[in-house]
Amino acid sequence: MSKELKDLIKDFNHYIKYEKRYSKDTIINYTIDLDQFHGNLREQDIIHIKQIGVKHIQDYITLLHKTGLNPASIYRKKSTISSFFSYLFKKKYIHNNPSKKILSPKLKPKLPVVMSIKEIEKLCDIRESSPQAVRDKAIIELMYSSALRLSETTALNENSIDLNSKIITVIGKGDKTRYLPVGKHAINAIKGWLIIRKDLINKDETALFINKFGTRLSNRSIQQRLSFWCKQKGLSFQINPHVLRHSCATHLLESSGDIRAVQEFLGHQDISTTQIYTSVNFDYIKSVYDKTHPRAK
């Protein structure tokens, strides 16, 4: 007797968690997407995978579009469904993959928000001496210095950083380890924070960045503190933690022009992910071209 759709979804969730080792956030998104898709199929009395054809998936994608869901979210849900059916095909639960012929709204490339070097300097110029301010400065300096993702930052432990060699060990997506350099300003900020941290930390807590209760700082807390400092510094925009990563990557690419090195630094598997920064760089590249190319004028 063939497995029901709900059981196959459970198998797939186990697969992406333990075999593919996707990040926690990715697993949550995949679970939500498939639960919603499953709910739509149940309304049509579809409970077995072999009942699903191209039309069922396409009708679901069209329904999402009609409800006004933004193209990026629809594209993500389509990608989740495609990954699920690719898994089923790989495991031979199905002989044909109906998701291959599905159409979804075209996505316009979304360029990352990038801060100027002056804006970064303004944000990092935190001179308050409270424990929270010293910690926040260390977080901002480090995230910009080493282009860290938010989840990579909160996952850091005290032993993740070697202050002498100025190297930080980061566990990125898919539990892949990267060893990254840390700049002088970030090192100094972290040294200042470690002096304060030792008097606040709970027993047996290993986290590098902690809250007022002495336990690991959450993603949400860092987001809130970044918003706070943007307002304090009179910056005319709100930033999310990824903006520091984008800004670091763009500034590195502007200075070096070495996209392969930046790819490794960011921990991108596919260089096409890194290439978005070449679009951000166009104005800069054009100005360099106009000034230096012998046939530009």
Protein backbone atom coordinates (compact mmCIF):
# COMPACT_ATOMS: atom_id res chain seq x y z
CA MET A 1 0.00 0.00 0.00
CA SER A 2 1.42 3.37 -1.04
CA LYS A 3 2.16 6.03 1.56
CA GLU A 4 -0.25 8.91 2.01
CA LEU A 5 0.88 12.42 1.08
CA LYS A 6 1.14 13.52 4.73
CA ASP A 7 3.58 10.68 5.46
CA LEU A 8 5.72 11.55 2.43
CA ILE A 9 5.91 15.15 3.60
CA LYS A 10 7.18 13.88 6.98
CA ASP A 11 9.80 11.80 5.17
CA PHE A 12 10.86 14.82 3.14
CA ASN A 13 11.19 16.98 6.27
CA HIS A 14 13.41 14.30 7.81
CA TYR A 15 15.47 14.23 4.59
CA ILE A 16 16.14 17.99 4.48
CA LYS A 17 16.90 18.10 8.20
CA TYR A 18 19.24 15.12 8.59
CA GLU A 19 20.56 14.36 5.09
CA LYS A 20 20.62 17.76 3.42
CA ARG A 21 21.21 19.52 6.76
CA TYR A 22 19.31 22.65 5.75
CA SER A 23 19.22 25.58 8.15
CA LYS A 24 16.52 25.81 10.81
CA ASP A 25 14.83 28.75 9.07
CA THR A 26 14.79 26.96 5.69
CA ILE A 27 13.22 23.88 7.27
CA ILE A 28 10.53 26.03 8.91
CA ASN A 29 9.73 27.70 5.57
CA TYR A 30 9.60 24.37 3.72
CA THR A 31 7.30 22.92 6.39
CA ILE A 32 4.90 25.87 6.19
CA ASP A 33 4.84 25.80 2.38
CA LEU A 34 4.13 22.07 2.18
CA ASP A 35 1.50 22.18 4.94
CA GLN A 36 -0.37 24.87 3.01
CA PHE A 37 -0.09 22.94 -0.25
CA HIS A 38 -1.25 19.78 1.51
CA GLY A 39 -4.24 21.66 2.95
CA ASN A 40 -5.25 22.81 -0.51
CA LEU A 41 -5.10 19.24 -1.84
CA ARG A 42 -7.10 17.86 1.10
CA GLU A 43 -9.92 20.24 0.20
CA GLN A 44 -10.01 18.41 -3.14
CA ASP A 45 -9.97 14.98 -1.40
CA ILE A 46 -6.46 14.29 -2.67
CA ILE A 47 -4.50 12.23 -0.15
CA HIS A 48 -2.16 10.12 -2.34
CA ILE A 49 0.80 11.40 -4.32
CA LYS A 50 -0.22 9.57 -7.49
CA GLN A 51 -3.42 11.61 -7.61
CA ILE A 52 -1.47 14.83 -8.14
CA GLY A 53 -0.87 16.09 -11.68
CA VAL A 54 0.52 19.22 -13.30
CA LYS A 55 -2.92 20.89 -13.20
CA HIS A 56 -3.25 20.54 -9.41
CA ILE A 57 0.09 22.26 -8.78
CA GLN A 58 -0.49 24.94 -11.41
CA ASP A 59 -3.97 25.68 -10.07
CA TYR A 60 -2.48 26.11 -6.59
CA ILE A 61 0.20 28.52 -7.85
CA THR A 62 -2.47 30.47 -9.76
CA LEU A 63 -4.61 30.63 -6.61
CA LEU A 64 -1.70 32.11 -4.65
CA HIS A 65 -1.30 34.72 -7.37
CA LYS A 66 -5.02 35.60 -7.26
CA THR A 67 -4.94 36.08 -3.48
CA GLY A 68 -2.36 38.83 -3.98
CA LEU A 69 0.66 37.03 -2.56
CA ASN A 70 3.84 38.76 -3.71
CA PRO A 71 5.85 37.12 -6.53
CA ALA A 72 8.86 36.41 -4.27
CA SER A 73 6.71 34.38 -1.85
CA ILE A 74 5.00 32.53 -4.70
CA TYR A 75 8.37 31.72 -6.23
CA ARG A 76 9.59 30.35 -2.89
CA LYS A 77 6.51 28.15 -2.48
CA LYS A 78 6.91 26.86 -6.03
CA SER A 79 10.56 26.11 -5.30
CA THR A 80 9.57 24.18 -2.15
CA ILE A 81 7.01 22.13 -4.06
CA SER A 82 9.55 21.44 -6.83
CA SER A 83 12.12 20.28 -4.26
CA PHE A 84 9.53 17.97 -2.70
CA PHE A 85 8.60 16.37 -6.04
CA SER A 86 12.26 16.07 -7.04
CA TYR A 87 12.82 14.16 -3.79
CA LEU A 88 9.83 11.88 -4.54
CA PHE A 89 11.15 11.22 -8.04
CA LYS A 90 14.64 10.50 -6.70
CA LYS A 91 13.22 8.04 -4.16
CA LYS A 92 11.05 6.45 -6.90
CA TYR A 93 7.72 7.25 -5.26
CA ILE A 94 6.71 8.77 -8.62
CA HIS A 95 7.80 8.02 -12.20
CA ASN A 96 7.25 11.53 -13.57
CA ASN A 97 7.85 14.90 -11.91
CA PRO A 98 4.74 17.09 -12.46
CA SER A 99 6.37 20.17 -10.94
CA LYS A 100 8.79 20.60 -13.87
CA LYS A 101 6.14 22.19 -16.09
CA ILE A 102 4.81 24.67 -13.53
CA LEU A 103 4.85 28.39 -14.32
CA SER A 104 5.17 31.13 -11.70
CA PRO A 105 5.40 34.95 -11.82
CA LYS A 106 8.76 36.25 -12.96
CA LEU A 107 10.91 37.73 -10.26
CA LYS A 108 12.56 41.08 -10.70
CA PRO A 109 16.12 40.89 -9.35
CA LYS A 110 16.18 42.59 -5.97
CA LEU A 111 19.44 44.38 -5.35
CA PRO A 112 20.71 44.36 -1.78
CA VAL A 113 20.71 47.55 0.26
CA VAL A 114 24.27 48.76 0.75
CA MET A 115 25.53 51.36 3.20
CA SER A 116 28.30 53.74 2.26
CA ILE A 117 31.60 53.58 4.15
CA LYS A 118 30.74 56.89 5.84
CA GLU A 119 27.40 55.48 7.01
CA ILE A 120 29.15 52.37 8.36
CA GLU A 121 31.62 54.56 10.26
CA LYS A 122 28.75 56.59 11.71
CA LEU A 123 26.90 53.46 12.83
CA CYS A 124 30.03 51.97 14.41
CA ASP A 125 30.88 55.17 16.30
CA ILE A 126 29.33 54.01 19.58
CA ARG A 127 31.08 55.61 22.54
CA GLU A 128 28.67 54.77 25.36
CA SER A 129 30.15 52.56 28.08
CA SER A 130 27.07 50.62 29.22
CA PRO A 131 27.32 46.80 28.87
CA GLN A 132 24.62 46.83 26.21
CA ALA A 133 26.34 49.53 24.15
CA VAL A 134 29.77 47.84 24.39
CA ARG A 135 28.19 44.55 23.29
CA ASP A 136 26.27 46.18 20.44
CA LYS A 137 29.39 47.88 19.12
CA ALA A 138 31.22 44.53 19.11
CA ILE A 139 28.32 42.89 17.25
CA ILE A 140 28.08 45.61 14.59
CA GLU A 141 31.84 45.79 14.06
CA LEU A 142 32.10 42.00 13.75
CA MET A 143 29.11 41.55 11.43
CA TYR A 144 30.49 44.18 9.06
CA SER A 145 34.11 43.07 9.43
CA SER A 146 33.46 39.43 8.54
CA ALA A 147 30.16 39.67 6.59
CA LEU A 148 28.35 37.43 9.04
CA ARG A 149 24.77 36.29 8.67
CA LEU A 150 22.47 37.01 11.61
CA SER A 151 22.19 33.33 12.58
CA GLU A 152 25.97 32.92 12.32
CA THR A 153 26.44 35.81 14.74
CA THR A 154 24.07 34.56 17.43
CA ALA A 155 25.56 31.04 17.14
CA LEU A 156 29.08 32.23 17.97
CA ASN A 157 30.71 30.98 21.15
CA GLU A 158 33.55 32.58 23.08
CA ASN A 159 35.98 30.01 21.64
CA SER A 160 34.83 30.78 18.07
CA ILE A 161 37.26 33.67 17.89
CA ASP A 162 41.05 33.60 18.17
CA LEU A 163 42.09 37.10 19.17
CA ASN A 164 45.79 36.46 18.54
CA SER A 165 45.45 35.18 14.98
CA LYS A 166 42.41 37.42 14.35
CA ILE A 167 40.44 34.51 12.91
CA ILE A 168 36.83 33.58 13.59
CA THR A 169 35.32 30.14 13.06
CA VAL A 170 31.80 30.35 11.64
CA ILE A 171 29.24 27.59 11.15
CA GLY A 172 27.25 28.63 8.08
CA LYS A 173 24.42 27.18 6.04
CA GLY A 174 24.38 23.39 5.87
CA ASP A 175 26.65 23.31 8.94
CA LYS A 176 29.63 24.23 6.76
CA THR A 177 32.59 25.72 8.59
CA ARG A 178 34.34 28.88 7.39
CA TYR A 179 37.45 30.52 8.84
CA LEU A 180 37.30 34.27 8.40
CA PRO A 181 39.64 37.16 9.13
CA VAL A 182 38.53 39.78 11.65
CA GLY A 183 39.54 43.43 11.31
CA LYS A 184 41.36 45.49 13.93
CA HIS A 185 38.33 47.59 14.91
CA ALA A 186 36.21 44.48 15.46
CA ILE A 187 38.97 42.79 17.48
CA ASN A 188 39.29 45.83 19.76
CA ALA A 189 35.52 46.02 20.21
CA ILE A 190 35.32 42.32 21.09
CA LYS A 191 38.16 42.64 23.61
CA GLY A 192 36.23 45.41 25.30
CA TRP A 193 33.07 43.30 25.36
CA LEU A 194 34.83 40.20 26.77
CA ILE A 195 35.96 42.17 29.82
CA ILE A 196 32.33 43.04 30.60
CA ARG A 197 30.91 39.68 29.53
CA LYS A 198 32.75 37.69 32.20
CA ASP A 199 30.78 39.46 34.95
CA LEU A 200 27.38 38.91 33.24
CA ILE A 201 27.61 35.37 31.88
CA ASN A 202 25.62 32.51 33.39
CA LYS A 203 27.48 29.43 34.54
CA ASP A 204 28.06 26.97 31.67
CA GLU A 205 26.90 29.50 29.02
CA THR A 206 29.26 29.47 26.03
CA ALA A 207 27.71 32.17 23.83
CA LEU A 208 29.93 35.06 22.74
CA PHE A 209 27.04 37.53 22.79
CA ILE A 210 24.62 37.38 25.72
CA ASN A 211 21.58 39.27 26.96
CA LYS A 212 20.97 40.89 30.35
CA PHE A 213 20.04 37.48 31.78
CA GLY A 214 23.45 36.05 30.92
CA THR A 215 22.14 33.73 28.18
CA ARG A 216 22.62 33.62 24.41
CA LEU A 217 21.36 36.68 22.54
CA SER A 218 18.52 36.02 20.09
CA ASN A 219 18.26 36.98 16.40
CA ARG A 220 15.35 39.26 17.20
CA SER A 221 17.35 41.14 19.84
CA ILE A 222 20.11 41.97 17.36
CA GLN A 223 17.53 43.20 14.85
CA GLN A 224 16.01 45.47 17.49
CA ARG A 225 19.39 46.82 18.58
CA LEU A 226 20.39 47.64 15.01
CA SER A 227 17.17 49.58 14.55
CA PHE A 228 17.87 51.39 17.82
CA TRP A 229 21.36 52.47 16.77
CA CYS A 230 20.22 53.57 13.32
CA LYS A 231 17.77 55.92 15.02
CA GLN A 232 20.36 57.06 17.57
CA LYS A 233 22.87 57.88 14.83
CA GLY A 234 20.33 59.80 12.77
CA LEU A 235 20.58 57.47 9.79
CA SER A 236 17.68 58.11 7.44
CA PHE A 237 16.80 54.44 6.96
CA GLN A 238 16.16 51.28 8.93
CA ILE A 239 18.55 48.44 8.27
CA ASN A 240 18.31 44.72 8.85
CA PRO A 241 21.33 42.64 9.88
CA HIS A 242 21.89 41.40 6.32
CA VAL A 243 22.66 44.97 5.19
CA LEU A 244 25.97 44.83 7.09
CA ARG A 245 26.84 41.62 5.22
CA HIS A 246 25.83 43.14 1.87
CA SER A 247 27.83 46.27 2.59
CA CYS A 248 30.96 44.33 3.53
CA ALA A 249 30.72 42.19 0.38
CA THR A 250 30.21 45.21 -1.87
CA HIS A 251 33.09 47.17 -0.35
CA LEU A 252 35.40 44.15 -0.69
CA LEU A 253 34.41 43.65 -4.31
CA GLU A 254 34.86 47.35 -5.07
CA SER A 255 38.38 47.30 -3.64
CA SER A 256 39.60 43.92 -4.91
CA GLY A 257 37.54 43.07 -7.98
CA ASP A 258 38.08 39.42 -6.97
CA ILE A 259 34.63 37.84 -7.11
CA ARG A 260 35.97 34.33 -6.36
CA ALA A 261 37.56 35.47 -3.12
CA VAL A 262 34.37 37.28 -2.11
CA GLN A 263 32.38 34.12 -2.93
CA GLU A 264 34.53 32.08 -0.54
CA PHE A 265 34.41 34.81 2.09
CA LEU A 266 30.60 34.88 2.03
CA GLY A 267 30.26 31.10 1.94
CA HIS A 268 28.23 31.07 -1.29
CA GLN A 269 28.06 27.66 -2.94
CA ASP A 270 27.15 29.14 -6.31
CA ILE A 271 29.01 32.14 -7.72
CA SER A 272 25.76 33.37 -9.31
CA THR A 273 24.64 34.31 -5.78
CA THR A 274 27.74 36.46 -5.39
CA GLN A 275 27.29 38.04 -8.82
CA ILE A 276 24.41 40.18 -7.56
CA TYR A 277 27.08 42.41 -6.02
CA THR A 278 28.45 43.15 -9.48
CA SER A 279 25.09 44.80 -10.24
CA VAL A 280 25.35 46.91 -7.10
CA ASN A 281 28.83 47.87 -8.23
CA PHE A 282 27.89 49.16 -11.68
CA ASP A 283 28.06 52.88 -10.86
CA TYR A 284 31.40 52.40 -9.17
CA ILE A 285 32.77 50.33 -12.05
CA LYS A 286 31.55 52.90 -14.57
CA SER A 287 33.28 55.73 -12.71
CA VAL A 288 36.56 53.76 -12.64
CA TYR A 289 36.17 52.95 -16.33
CA ASP A 290 35.58 56.59 -17.24
CA LYS A 291 38.67 57.66 -15.32
CA THR A 292 41.09 54.93 -16.35
CA HIS A 293 40.17 53.33 -19.68
CA PRO A 294 42.38 54.80 -22.45
CA ARG A 295 39.50 54.83 -24.95
CA ALA A 296 36.74 55.90 -22.60
CA LYS A 297 36.81 59.54 -23.68
